[in-house]
N, C-alpha and C. Protein backbone atom coordinates (compact mmCIF):
# COMPACT_ATOMS: atom_id res chain seq x y z
N MET A 1 17.61 -101.03 152.61
CA MET A 1 18.75 -100.86 151.73
C MET A 1 19.82 -101.86 152.14
N LYS A 2 20.43 -102.48 151.17
CA LYS A 2 21.52 -103.42 151.45
C LYS A 2 22.79 -102.65 151.80
N THR A 3 23.61 -103.22 152.66
CA THR A 3 24.86 -102.57 153.05
C THR A 3 25.77 -102.38 151.84
N ASN A 4 25.64 -103.26 150.84
CA ASN A 4 26.46 -103.12 149.63
C ASN A 4 26.11 -101.88 148.83
N ASP A 5 24.91 -101.32 149.02
CA ASP A 5 24.46 -100.14 148.28
C ASP A 5 24.84 -98.82 148.95
N LEU A 6 25.36 -98.87 150.17
CA LEU A 6 25.77 -97.65 150.87
C LEU A 6 27.06 -97.13 150.23
N LYS A 7 27.08 -95.85 149.92
CA LYS A 7 28.20 -95.24 149.20
C LYS A 7 29.18 -94.54 150.13
N LYS A 8 30.35 -94.24 149.59
CA LYS A 8 31.38 -93.50 150.30
C LYS A 8 30.81 -92.17 150.79
N GLY A 9 31.12 -91.82 152.04
CA GLY A 9 30.66 -90.57 152.62
C GLY A 9 29.36 -90.70 153.40
N THR A 10 28.69 -91.84 153.31
CA THR A 10 27.44 -92.04 154.06
C THR A 10 27.76 -92.17 155.54
N GLN A 11 26.99 -91.46 156.37
CA GLN A 11 27.17 -91.60 157.82
C GLN A 11 26.28 -92.75 158.29
N VAL A 12 26.85 -93.65 159.09
CA VAL A 12 26.13 -94.82 159.57
C VAL A 12 26.23 -94.92 161.09
N ARG A 13 25.29 -95.64 161.67
CA ARG A 13 25.34 -95.94 163.10
C ARG A 13 25.70 -97.42 163.22
N LEU A 14 26.63 -97.73 164.11
CA LEU A 14 27.09 -99.10 164.29
C LEU A 14 26.33 -99.76 165.44
N ARG A 15 26.42 -101.06 165.50
CA ARG A 15 25.73 -101.86 166.51
C ARG A 15 26.08 -101.43 167.93
N ASN A 16 27.32 -100.95 168.15
CA ASN A 16 27.73 -100.53 169.50
C ASN A 16 27.33 -99.09 169.82
N GLY A 17 26.63 -98.42 168.89
CA GLY A 17 26.15 -97.05 169.12
C GLY A 17 27.04 -95.96 168.56
N ASN A 18 28.25 -96.29 168.15
CA ASN A 18 29.14 -95.29 167.57
C ASN A 18 28.67 -94.87 166.18
N LEU A 19 29.05 -93.67 165.79
CA LEU A 19 28.80 -93.18 164.44
C LEU A 19 30.05 -93.39 163.61
N ALA A 20 29.87 -93.53 162.29
CA ALA A 20 31.00 -93.72 161.40
C ALA A 20 30.67 -93.15 160.03
N ASP A 21 31.71 -92.71 159.31
CA ASP A 21 31.58 -92.29 157.91
C ASP A 21 32.23 -93.35 157.04
N LEU A 22 31.50 -93.87 156.05
CA LEU A 22 32.08 -94.87 155.16
C LEU A 22 33.12 -94.21 154.27
N MET A 23 34.24 -94.88 154.10
CA MET A 23 35.37 -94.33 153.34
C MET A 23 35.59 -95.05 152.01
N ASP A 24 34.72 -96.00 151.66
CA ASP A 24 34.88 -96.73 150.41
C ASP A 24 33.53 -97.08 149.81
N ASN A 25 33.55 -97.59 148.61
CA ASN A 25 32.34 -98.06 147.93
C ASN A 25 32.34 -99.58 147.81
N ALA A 26 33.08 -100.24 148.68
CA ALA A 26 33.26 -101.69 148.59
C ALA A 26 31.96 -102.44 148.83
N ARG A 27 31.97 -103.69 148.42
CA ARG A 27 30.85 -104.60 148.66
C ARG A 27 31.42 -105.77 149.45
N GLY A 28 30.57 -106.43 150.21
CA GLY A 28 31.03 -107.62 150.92
C GLY A 28 30.95 -107.47 152.42
N ASN A 29 31.75 -108.26 153.12
CA ASN A 29 31.67 -108.35 154.58
C ASN A 29 32.42 -107.25 155.32
N VAL A 30 33.38 -106.61 154.68
CA VAL A 30 34.22 -105.62 155.37
C VAL A 30 34.19 -104.29 154.62
N ARG A 31 34.04 -103.21 155.37
CA ARG A 31 34.07 -101.85 154.81
C ARG A 31 35.12 -101.05 155.57
N ILE A 32 35.63 -100.00 154.95
CA ILE A 32 36.55 -99.07 155.60
C ILE A 32 35.74 -97.87 156.06
N ALA A 33 35.95 -97.46 157.32
CA ALA A 33 35.16 -96.36 157.87
C ALA A 33 35.98 -95.55 158.86
N LYS A 34 35.63 -94.27 158.99
CA LYS A 34 36.16 -93.42 160.05
C LYS A 34 35.14 -93.50 161.18
N VAL A 35 35.56 -94.06 162.31
CA VAL A 35 34.65 -94.31 163.43
C VAL A 35 34.86 -93.25 164.50
N TYR A 36 33.75 -92.70 164.99
CA TYR A 36 33.78 -91.68 166.03
C TYR A 36 33.34 -92.33 167.34
N GLY A 37 34.30 -92.78 168.12
CA GLY A 37 34.03 -93.40 169.41
C GLY A 37 34.73 -92.60 170.49
N LEU A 38 35.39 -93.28 171.42
CA LEU A 38 36.19 -92.57 172.42
C LEU A 38 37.28 -91.75 171.74
N VAL A 39 37.83 -92.31 170.67
CA VAL A 39 38.77 -91.59 169.81
C VAL A 39 38.29 -91.74 168.37
N GLU A 40 38.75 -90.87 167.50
CA GLU A 40 38.40 -90.94 166.08
C GLU A 40 39.46 -91.78 165.40
N GLU A 41 39.05 -92.86 164.73
CA GLU A 41 40.01 -93.71 164.05
C GLU A 41 39.44 -94.25 162.75
N CYS A 42 40.33 -94.60 161.85
CA CYS A 42 39.95 -95.12 160.55
C CYS A 42 40.35 -96.58 160.48
N GLY A 43 39.47 -97.43 159.97
CA GLY A 43 39.82 -98.84 159.87
C GLY A 43 38.68 -99.67 159.31
N SER A 44 38.82 -100.96 159.42
CA SER A 44 37.84 -101.90 158.89
C SER A 44 36.72 -102.12 159.89
N ILE A 45 35.50 -102.23 159.36
CA ILE A 45 34.35 -102.60 160.17
C ILE A 45 33.61 -103.71 159.42
N TYR A 46 32.90 -104.54 160.15
CA TYR A 46 32.08 -105.56 159.51
C TYR A 46 30.77 -104.93 159.03
N SER A 47 30.34 -105.31 157.85
CA SER A 47 29.09 -104.78 157.29
C SER A 47 27.89 -105.13 158.17
N HIS A 48 27.93 -106.28 158.85
CA HIS A 48 26.79 -106.66 159.68
C HIS A 48 26.70 -105.83 160.96
N ASP A 49 27.70 -104.99 161.24
CA ASP A 49 27.64 -104.09 162.40
C ASP A 49 26.94 -102.77 162.07
N ILE A 50 26.62 -102.53 160.80
CA ILE A 50 25.89 -101.32 160.41
C ILE A 50 24.40 -101.55 160.67
N VAL A 51 23.79 -100.69 161.48
CA VAL A 51 22.37 -100.88 161.81
C VAL A 51 21.48 -99.76 161.28
N ALA A 52 22.05 -98.61 160.90
CA ALA A 52 21.25 -97.50 160.37
C ALA A 52 22.15 -96.60 159.54
N TYR A 53 21.55 -95.82 158.66
CA TYR A 53 22.30 -94.84 157.87
C TYR A 53 21.54 -93.53 157.86
N LYS A 54 22.28 -92.44 157.65
CA LYS A 54 21.71 -91.10 157.64
C LYS A 54 21.12 -90.83 156.26
N LYS A 55 19.84 -90.49 156.25
CA LYS A 55 19.11 -90.27 155.00
C LYS A 55 18.62 -88.82 154.96
N THR A 56 18.92 -88.10 153.88
CA THR A 56 18.48 -86.72 153.75
C THR A 56 17.15 -86.66 153.02
N ILE A 57 16.22 -85.93 153.63
CA ILE A 57 14.90 -85.74 153.03
C ILE A 57 14.65 -84.23 152.98
N GLY A 58 14.75 -83.66 151.80
CA GLY A 58 14.61 -82.21 151.67
C GLY A 58 15.73 -81.50 152.42
N ASP A 59 15.38 -80.62 153.35
CA ASP A 59 16.38 -79.90 154.14
C ASP A 59 16.71 -80.58 155.45
N SER A 60 16.03 -81.66 155.78
CA SER A 60 16.28 -82.34 157.05
C SER A 60 16.81 -83.74 156.80
N TRP A 61 17.18 -84.43 157.87
CA TRP A 61 17.67 -85.79 157.74
C TRP A 61 17.08 -86.65 158.85
N MET A 62 17.15 -87.95 158.63
CA MET A 62 16.66 -88.91 159.63
C MET A 62 17.51 -90.17 159.55
N TRP A 63 17.44 -90.99 160.59
CA TRP A 63 18.12 -92.27 160.58
C TRP A 63 17.19 -93.31 159.98
N ALA A 64 17.61 -93.92 158.89
CA ALA A 64 16.83 -94.99 158.26
C ALA A 64 17.38 -96.33 158.74
N GLU A 65 16.51 -97.17 159.25
CA GLU A 65 16.95 -98.44 159.82
C GLU A 65 16.50 -99.63 158.98
N ASP A 66 16.33 -99.41 157.68
CA ASP A 66 15.88 -100.49 156.80
C ASP A 66 17.08 -101.23 156.18
N ILE A 67 18.05 -101.58 157.01
CA ILE A 67 19.28 -102.24 156.55
C ILE A 67 18.99 -103.72 156.28
N GLU A 68 19.45 -104.20 155.13
CA GLU A 68 19.34 -105.61 154.77
C GLU A 68 20.75 -106.17 154.61
N TYR A 69 20.93 -107.42 155.00
CA TYR A 69 22.24 -108.07 154.91
C TYR A 69 22.18 -109.20 153.88
N THR A 70 23.29 -109.44 153.23
CA THR A 70 23.38 -110.55 152.28
C THR A 70 23.50 -111.85 153.09
N PRO A 71 23.23 -113.00 152.47
CA PRO A 71 23.38 -114.28 153.18
C PRO A 71 24.80 -114.46 153.75
N SER A 72 25.81 -114.03 153.02
CA SER A 72 27.19 -114.13 153.50
C SER A 72 27.40 -113.27 154.75
N GLN A 73 26.83 -112.07 154.78
CA GLN A 73 26.96 -111.19 155.93
C GLN A 73 26.23 -111.77 157.14
N LYS A 74 25.06 -112.38 156.92
CA LYS A 74 24.32 -113.02 158.00
C LYS A 74 25.10 -114.20 158.57
N ASN A 75 25.73 -114.96 157.69
CA ASN A 75 26.53 -116.10 158.11
C ASN A 75 27.72 -115.64 158.97
N LEU A 76 28.41 -114.60 158.53
CA LEU A 76 29.54 -114.07 159.28
C LEU A 76 29.09 -113.50 160.62
N ALA A 77 27.92 -112.87 160.68
CA ALA A 77 27.40 -112.34 161.94
C ALA A 77 27.16 -113.46 162.93
N GLY A 78 26.62 -114.57 162.47
CA GLY A 78 26.39 -115.73 163.33
C GLY A 78 27.70 -116.32 163.84
N LEU A 79 28.68 -116.43 162.97
CA LEU A 79 30.00 -116.92 163.36
C LEU A 79 30.64 -115.99 164.38
N SER A 80 30.51 -114.69 164.16
CA SER A 80 31.08 -113.70 165.08
C SER A 80 30.46 -113.83 166.46
N ARG A 81 29.14 -114.05 166.51
CA ARG A 81 28.47 -114.22 167.82
C ARG A 81 28.97 -115.45 168.54
N ILE A 82 29.19 -116.54 167.80
CA ILE A 82 29.68 -117.77 168.39
C ILE A 82 31.10 -117.59 168.93
N LEU A 83 31.97 -116.96 168.12
CA LEU A 83 33.37 -116.82 168.50
C LEU A 83 33.61 -115.75 169.54
N PHE A 84 32.94 -114.60 169.41
CA PHE A 84 33.24 -113.44 170.25
C PHE A 84 32.12 -113.07 171.20
N GLY A 85 30.95 -113.68 171.07
CA GLY A 85 29.84 -113.42 171.96
C GLY A 85 29.22 -112.05 171.82
N ASN A 86 29.31 -111.44 170.64
CA ASN A 86 28.69 -110.11 170.46
C ASN A 86 27.64 -110.14 169.39
């Protein structure tokens, strides 16, 4: 699933291991999310930092890791690695 297809309210796992709830239906490189880390905070995250999303199947759920990135998101991820080393 492309990150642009993830809807508001979807729970996602980020590259650093934190969980987050998407707060918008935006498309592109930046999404708004409530991130559950050391503290709970709301703010912008890069779409290329989303590595999995919570998928409901019947009465249970699982982490689906079939995330696809757009060429623009892949380009920004490469730039981010060069600039910030992550």
